Amino acid sequence: MTFEKGTSLSLDKKKLKKFIGDLIYKRNFKIQLTKSTIFIYVCFMATFTNPIANIRAFNRFYTDIIGLLDRHLLHSRYSLAEARIIYEISVGENLQASQIMTAMHIDKSYLSRLLKKLEKEGLIIKKPSEQDARAMFISLTAKGLREFNILNKASDEQISAMTTGLKASDQQQLVNHMNAIMNILTKTAII
C-alpha cells in the first residue's frame, strides 16, 4: 500500500490502524515511505493520543507544502515576514506601523528593522501625517507595488498548482475546511 501526493485516501479507521500496525511492526512489509505515508502515520497517532500533536503535525505538513520555511518566499528575495508586510501595506494603502503590528502580531522592534530594510530597498515610503507630525504613514512606492504584484501572482500560481489536480468539489471542501479553521480559531481568540 502506497500513498502519493494527490491520491485520495478513503480508508476506514480499522484499515488505517492495520496499515499503521504493518508499518510499525512487520519487518517484511513492503511500504514506500513518502511524505504522505509519514504524514498519515503522524496524524493517525496524534488523533488517538493528543489533539495538540495532531494540530502540530498539520502545521508542519502545511508549512512544508507551501514552502514557508524556505529562506525566501515564492523564490523571491523576500522572507515571509517581508512579503507579508508588503501585502499589508498594499491592501491597507497608507498605514501606520502600529496597524501592521496589529494585523501581523509582530514585535515592534522586528517590524522596525524590516521596515527600514524595505525603505532602503525603495519599496516603501514613510510620510508624516498632516494632522500629527509624530505619526508616520507607510505606503508602497511604484517599485514596491510592482514587487507586490509579482509576489501576489506567484502566490496565486502556487496555490493553483497545488489544487489543479483536485475536482471542483474537493477544492470547495478544502476551502470550507480552511474557513472552518479560521472561524473556530477566531471565535476562541487564539489569533
C-alpha atoms as a PDB file:
ATOM      1  CA  MET A   1       0.000   0.000   0.000  1.00  0.00           C
ATOM      2  CA  THR A   2       1.485   3.356  -1.031  1.00  0.00           C
ATOM      3  CA  PHE A   3       0.129   6.874  -0.991  1.00  0.00           C
ATOM      4  CA  GLU A   4       1.335   9.589  -3.296  1.00  0.00           C
ATOM      5  CA  LYS A   5       0.626  13.312  -3.409  1.00  0.00           C
ATOM      6  CA  GLY A   6      -2.838  13.859  -4.842  1.00  0.00           C
ATOM      7  CA  THR A   7      -4.044  10.339  -4.021  1.00  0.00           C
ATOM      8  CA  SER A   8      -7.437  10.227  -2.409  1.00  0.00           C
ATOM      9  CA  LEU A   9      -7.324   8.477   0.965  1.00  0.00           C
ATOM     10  CA  SER A  10     -10.533   6.664   1.786  1.00  0.00           C
ATOM     11  CA  LEU A  11      -9.644   4.149   4.488  1.00  0.00           C
ATOM     12  CA  ASP A  12     -11.754   3.437   7.497  1.00  0.00           C
ATOM     13  CA  LYS A  13     -10.089   3.568  10.922  1.00  0.00           C
ATOM     14  CA  LYS A  14      -9.786  -0.231  11.137  1.00  0.00           C
ATOM     15  CA  LYS A  15      -7.899  -0.453   7.823  1.00  0.00           C
ATOM     16  CA  LEU A  16      -5.772   2.559   8.687  1.00  0.00           C
ATOM     17  CA  LYS A  17      -4.917   1.044  12.070  1.00  0.00           C
ATOM     18  CA  LYS A  18      -3.877  -2.199  10.327  1.00  0.00           C
ATOM     19  CA  PHE A  19      -1.771  -0.205   7.846  1.00  0.00           C
ATOM     20  CA  ILE A  20      -0.034   1.650  10.671  1.00  0.00           C
ATOM     21  CA  GLY A  21       0.475  -1.610  12.577  1.00  0.00           C
ATOM     22  CA  ASP A  22       2.029  -3.158   9.479  1.00  0.00           C
ATOM     23  CA  LEU A  23       4.205  -0.093   9.035  1.00  0.00           C
ATOM     24  CA  ILE A  24       5.489  -0.309  12.605  1.00  0.00           C
ATOM     25  CA  TYR A  25       5.626  -3.996  13.449  1.00  0.00           C
ATOM     26  CA  LYS A  26       6.090  -6.089  10.294  1.00  0.00           C
ATOM     27  CA  ARG A  27       9.681  -6.065   9.186  1.00  0.00           C
ATOM     28  CA  ASN A  28       8.937  -7.809   5.885  1.00  0.00           C
ATOM     29  CA  PHE A  29       6.072  -5.471   4.949  1.00  0.00           C
ATOM     30  CA  LYS A  30       6.970  -3.530   1.798  1.00  0.00           C
ATOM     31  CA  ILE A  31       5.870   0.077   2.005  1.00  0.00           C
ATOM     32  CA  GLN A  32       7.112   3.142   0.247  1.00  0.00           C
ATOM     33  CA  LEU A  33       7.945   5.823   2.779  1.00  0.00           C
ATOM     34  CA  THR A  34       6.889   9.165   1.381  1.00  0.00           C
ATOM     35  CA  LYS A  35       5.836  12.430   2.959  1.00  0.00           C
ATOM     36  CA  SER A  36       2.261  11.193   2.541  1.00  0.00           C
ATOM     37  CA  THR A  37       2.748   7.921   4.405  1.00  0.00           C
ATOM     38  CA  ILE A  38       4.678   9.623   7.179  1.00  0.00           C
ATOM     39  CA  PHE A  39       2.014  12.335   7.436  1.00  0.00           C
ATOM     40  CA  ILE A  40      -0.746   9.712   7.601  1.00  0.00           C
ATOM     41  CA  TYR A  41       1.131   7.921  10.368  1.00  0.00           C
ATOM     42  CA  VAL A  42       1.727  11.121  12.341  1.00  0.00           C
ATOM     43  CA  CYS A  43      -1.905  12.227  12.014  1.00  0.00           C
ATOM     44  CA  PHE A  44      -3.204   8.764  12.906  1.00  0.00           C
ATOM     45  CA  MET A  45      -1.060   8.546  16.018  1.00  0.00           C
ATOM     46  CA  ALA A  46      -1.839  12.099  17.042  1.00  0.00           C
ATOM     47  CA  THR A  47      -5.588  11.635  16.598  1.00  0.00           C
ATOM     48  CA  PHE A  48      -5.634   8.839  19.116  1.00  0.00           C
ATOM     49  CA  THR A  49      -3.140  10.312  21.554  1.00  0.00           C
ATOM     50  CA  ASN A  50      -3.257  14.085  21.661  1.00  0.00           C
ATOM     51  CA  PRO A  51      -5.158  16.698  19.620  1.00  0.00           C
ATOM     52  CA  ILE A  52      -2.300  19.184  20.136  1.00  0.00           C
ATOM     53  CA  ALA A  53       0.088  16.786  18.426  1.00  0.00           C
ATOM     54  CA  ASN A  54      -2.385  16.461  15.554  1.00  0.00           C
ATOM     55  CA  ILE A  55      -2.573  20.231  15.087  1.00  0.00           C
ATOM     56  CA  ARG A  56       1.212  20.497  15.218  1.00  0.00           C
ATOM     57  CA  ALA A  57       1.533  17.692  12.651  1.00  0.00           C
ATOM     58  CA  PHE A  58      -0.816  19.552  10.319  1.00  0.00           C
ATOM     59  CA  ASN A  59       1.153  22.785  10.822  1.00  0.00           C
ATOM     60  CA  ARG A  60       4.392  21.036   9.865  1.00  0.00           C
ATOM     61  CA  PHE A  61       2.731  19.424   6.844  1.00  0.00           C
ATOM     62  CA  TYR A  62       1.195  22.660   5.560  1.00  0.00           C
ATOM     63  CA  THR A  63       4.227  24.886   6.115  1.00  0.00           C
ATOM     64  CA  ASP A  64       6.290  22.341   4.185  1.00  0.00           C
ATOM     65  CA  ILE A  65       3.809  22.168   1.296  1.00  0.00           C
ATOM     66  CA  ILE A  66       3.691  25.922   0.764  1.00  0.00           C
ATOM     67  CA  GLY A  67       7.379  26.490   1.445  1.00  0.00           C
ATOM     68  CA  LEU A  68       7.045  28.823   4.404  1.00  0.00           C
ATOM     69  CA  LEU A  69      10.303  27.612   5.873  1.00  0.00           C
ATOM     70  CA  ASP A  70      12.298  28.374   2.745  1.00  0.00           C
ATOM     71  CA  ARG A  71      14.737  31.223   3.213  1.00  0.00           C
ATOM     72  CA  HIS A  72      12.867  33.276   0.619  1.00  0.00           C
ATOM     73  CA  LEU A  73       9.155  33.129  -0.062  1.00  0.00           C
ATOM     74  CA  LEU A  74       7.954  32.025  -3.506  1.00  0.00           C
ATOM     75  CA  HIS A  75      11.506  32.051  -4.915  1.00  0.00           C
ATOM     76  CA  SER A  76      11.650  35.797  -4.367  1.00  0.00           C
ATOM     77  CA  ARG A  77      14.288  37.679  -2.436  1.00  0.00           C
ATOM     78  CA  TYR A  78      11.854  38.365   0.419  1.00  0.00           C
ATOM     79  CA  SER A  79      11.294  36.475   3.642  1.00  0.00           C
ATOM     80  CA  LEU A  80       7.783  35.532   4.715  1.00  0.00           C
ATOM     81  CA  ALA A  81       7.650  38.474   7.136  1.00  0.00           C
ATOM     82  CA  GLU A  82       8.821  40.951   4.480  1.00  0.00           C
ATOM     83  CA  ALA A  83       6.333  39.654   1.919  1.00  0.00           C
ATOM     84  CA  ARG A  84       3.530  39.849   4.476  1.00  0.00           C
ATOM     85  CA  ILE A  85       4.430  43.463   5.327  1.00  0.00           C
ATOM     86  CA  ILE A  86       4.365  44.334   1.622  1.00  0.00           C
ATOM     87  CA  TYR A  87       0.946  42.668   1.390  1.00  0.00           C
ATOM     88  CA  GLU A  88      -0.446  44.504   4.435  1.00  0.00           C
ATOM     89  CA  ILE A  89       0.751  47.878   3.117  1.00  0.00           C
ATOM     90  CA  SER A  90      -0.702  47.124  -0.304  1.00  0.00           C
ATOM     91  CA  VAL A  91      -4.176  46.257   0.960  1.00  0.00           C
ATOM     92  CA  GLY A  92      -4.173  48.938   3.660  1.00  0.00           C
ATOM     93  CA  GLU A  93      -2.646  51.650   1.467  1.00  0.00           C
ATOM     94  CA  ASN A  94      -1.495  54.341   3.938  1.00  0.00           C
ATOM     95  CA  LEU A  95      -0.838  52.509   7.199  1.00  0.00           C
ATOM     96  CA  GLN A  96       0.923  53.297  10.413  1.00  0.00           C
ATOM     97  CA  ALA A  97       3.408  50.816  11.850  1.00  0.00           C
ATOM     98  CA  SER A  98       1.025  50.126  14.743  1.00  0.00           C
ATOM     99  CA  GLN A  99      -1.623  48.921  12.285  1.00  0.00           C
ATOM    100  CA  ILE A 100       0.857  46.486  10.721  1.00  0.00           C
ATOM    101  CA  MET A 101       1.835  45.262  14.185  1.00  0.00           C
ATOM    102  CA  THR A 102      -1.821  44.591  14.988  1.00  0.00           C
ATOM    103  CA  ALA A 103      -2.518  42.829  11.682  1.00  0.00           C
ATOM    104  CA  MET A 104       0.573  40.622  11.858  1.00  0.00           C
ATOM    105  CA  HIS A 105       1.023  40.185  15.613  1.00  0.00           C
ATOM    106  CA  ILE A 106       4.659  41.152  15.128  1.00  0.00           C
ATOM    107  CA  ASP A 107       7.174  42.599  17.579  1.00  0.00           C
ATOM    108  CA  LYS A 108       7.689  46.370  17.281  1.00  0.00           C
ATOM    109  CA  SER A 109      11.496  46.234  17.031  1.00  0.00           C
ATOM    110  CA  TYR A 110      11.420  43.402  14.462  1.00  0.00           C
ATOM    111  CA  LEU A 111       8.887  45.314  12.383  1.00  0.00           C
ATOM    112  CA  SER A 112      11.019  48.437  12.626  1.00  0.00           C
ATOM    113  CA  ARG A 113      14.078  46.583  11.262  1.00  0.00           C
ATOM    114  CA  LEU A 114      12.076  45.105   8.400  1.00  0.00           C
ATOM    115  CA  LEU A 115      10.511  48.461   7.516  1.00  0.00           C
ATOM    116  CA  LYS A 116      13.967  50.081   7.421  1.00  0.00           C
ATOM    117  CA  LYS A 117      15.168  47.351   5.068  1.00  0.00           C
ATOM    118  CA  LEU A 118      12.152  47.752   2.775  1.00  0.00           C
ATOM    119  CA  GLU A 119      12.583  51.527   2.815  1.00  0.00           C
ATOM    120  CA  LYS A 120      16.291  51.215   1.975  1.00  0.00           C
ATOM    121  CA  GLU A 121      15.378  48.953  -0.975  1.00  0.00           C
ATOM    122  CA  GLY A 122      12.958  51.595  -2.232  1.00  0.00           C
ATOM    123  CA  LEU A 123       9.811  49.517  -1.736  1.00  0.00           C
ATOM    124  CA  ILE A 124       8.101  51.713   0.841  1.00  0.00           C
ATOM    125  CA  ILE A 125       7.977  55.357   1.720  1.00  0.00           C
ATOM    126  CA  LYS A 126       7.146  56.968   5.057  1.00  0.00           C
ATOM    127  CA  LYS A 127       5.322  60.279   5.167  1.00  0.00           C
ATOM    128  CA  PRO A 128       4.384  62.296   8.242  1.00  0.00           C
ATOM    129  CA  SER A 129       0.716  62.817   8.941  1.00  0.00           C
ATOM    130  CA  GLU A 130      -0.623  66.287   8.174  1.00  0.00           C
ATOM    131  CA  GLN A 131      -2.563  66.236  11.448  1.00  0.00           C
ATOM    132  CA  ASP A 132       0.226  64.869  13.672  1.00  0.00           C
ATOM    133  CA  ALA A 133       3.862  65.101  12.559  1.00  0.00           C
ATOM    134  CA  ARG A 134       4.802  62.348  15.026  1.00  0.00           C
ATOM    135  CA  ALA A 135       2.632  59.852  13.134  1.00  0.00           C
ATOM    136  CA  MET A 136       4.146  58.315  10.015  1.00  0.00           C
ATOM    137  CA  PHE A 137       2.102  56.809   7.213  1.00  0.00           C
ATOM    138  CA  ILE A 138       3.671  53.980   5.227  1.00  0.00           C
ATOM    139  CA  SER A 139       2.829  53.248   1.609  1.00  0.00           C
ATOM    140  CA  LEU A 140       4.316  51.308  -1.283  1.00  0.00           C
ATOM    141  CA  THR A 141       6.400  53.050  -3.899  1.00  0.00           C
ATOM    142  CA  ALA A 142       5.901  52.205  -7.575  1.00  0.00           C
ATOM    143  CA  LYS A 143       8.710  49.657  -7.179  1.00  0.00           C
ATOM    144  CA  GLY A 144       7.024  48.255  -4.079  1.00  0.00           C
ATOM    145  CA  LEU A 145       3.734  47.898  -5.933  1.00  0.00           C
ATOM    146  CA  ARG A 146       5.500  46.040  -8.773  1.00  0.00           C
ATOM    147  CA  GLU A 147       7.089  43.677  -6.227  1.00  0.00           C
ATOM    148  CA  PHE A 148       3.725  43.150  -4.545  1.00  0.00           C
ATOM    149  CA  ASN A 149       2.141  42.248  -7.889  1.00  0.00           C
ATOM    150  CA  ILE A 150       4.943  39.757  -8.614  1.00  0.00           C
ATOM    151  CA  LEU A 151       4.584  38.156  -5.168  1.00  0.00           C
ATOM    152  CA  ASN A 152       0.804  38.089  -5.410  1.00  0.00           C
ATOM    153  CA  LYS A 153       0.885  36.435  -8.830  1.00  0.00           C
ATOM    154  CA  ALA A 154       3.455  33.865  -7.651  1.00  0.00           C
ATOM    155  CA  SER A 155       1.296  33.066  -4.629  1.00  0.00           C
ATOM    156  CA  ASP A 156      -1.799  32.598  -6.818  1.00  0.00           C
ATOM    157  CA  GLU A 157       0.181  30.337  -9.171  1.00  0.00           C
ATOM    158  CA  GLN A 158       1.497  28.259  -6.265  1.00  0.00           C
ATOM    159  CA  ILE A 159      -1.989  27.626  -4.881  1.00  0.00           C
ATOM    160  CA  SER A 160      -3.333  26.974  -8.366  1.00  0.00           C
ATOM    161  CA  ALA A 161      -0.620  24.357  -8.959  1.00  0.00           C
ATOM    162  CA  MET A 162      -1.471  22.674  -5.644  1.00  0.00           C
ATOM    163  CA  THR A 163      -5.176  22.473  -6.390  1.00  0.00           C
ATOM    164  CA  THR A 164      -5.276  21.963 -10.177  1.00  0.00           C
ATOM    165  CA  GLY A 165      -5.496  18.182  -9.900  1.00  0.00           C
ATOM    166  CA  LEU A 166      -8.414  18.341  -7.471  1.00  0.00           C
ATOM    167  CA  LYS A 167     -12.037  18.008  -8.503  1.00  0.00           C
ATOM    168  CA  ALA A 168     -14.083  21.178  -8.042  1.00  0.00           C
ATOM    169  CA  SER A 169     -15.942  19.551  -5.146  1.00  0.00           C
ATOM    170  CA  ASP A 170     -12.637  18.699  -3.418  1.00  0.00           C
ATOM    171  CA  GLN A 171     -11.387  22.260  -3.930  1.00  0.00           C
ATOM    172  CA  GLN A 172     -14.568  23.583  -2.345  1.00  0.00           C
ATOM    173  CA  GLN A 173     -14.272  21.119   0.525  1.00  0.00           C
ATOM    174  CA  LEU A 174     -10.690  22.266   1.108  1.00  0.00           C
ATOM    175  CA  VAL A 175     -11.800  25.910   1.180  1.00  0.00           C
ATOM    176  CA  ASN A 176     -14.673  25.062   3.530  1.00  0.00           C
ATOM    177  CA  HIS A 177     -12.312  23.300   5.941  1.00  0.00           C
ATOM    178  CA  MET A 178      -9.859  26.200   5.858  1.00  0.00           C
ATOM    179  CA  ASN A 179     -12.697  28.643   6.552  1.00  0.00           C
ATOM    180  CA  ALA A 180     -13.831  26.433   9.430  1.00  0.00           C
ATOM    181  CA  ILE A 181     -10.325  26.524  10.925  1.00  0.00           C
ATOM    182  CA  MET A 182     -10.215  30.323  10.678  1.00  0.00           C
ATOM    183  CA  ASN A 183     -13.716  30.676  12.164  1.00  0.00           C
ATOM    184  CA  ILE A 184     -13.006  28.343  15.087  1.00  0.00           C
ATOM    185  CA  LEU A 185      -9.689  29.996  15.944  1.00  0.00           C
ATOM    186  CA  THR A 186     -11.164  33.481  15.586  1.00  0.00           C
ATOM    187  CA  LYS A 187     -14.057  32.584  17.923  1.00  0.00           C
ATOM    188  CA  THR A 188     -11.685  31.380  20.604  1.00  0.00           C
ATOM    189  CA  ALA A 189      -9.492  34.477  20.209  1.00  0.00           C
ATOM    190  CA  ILE A 190      -6.347  32.429  19.596  1.00  0.00           C
ATOM    191  CA  ILE A 191      -5.190  34.737  16.816  1.00  0.00           C
END
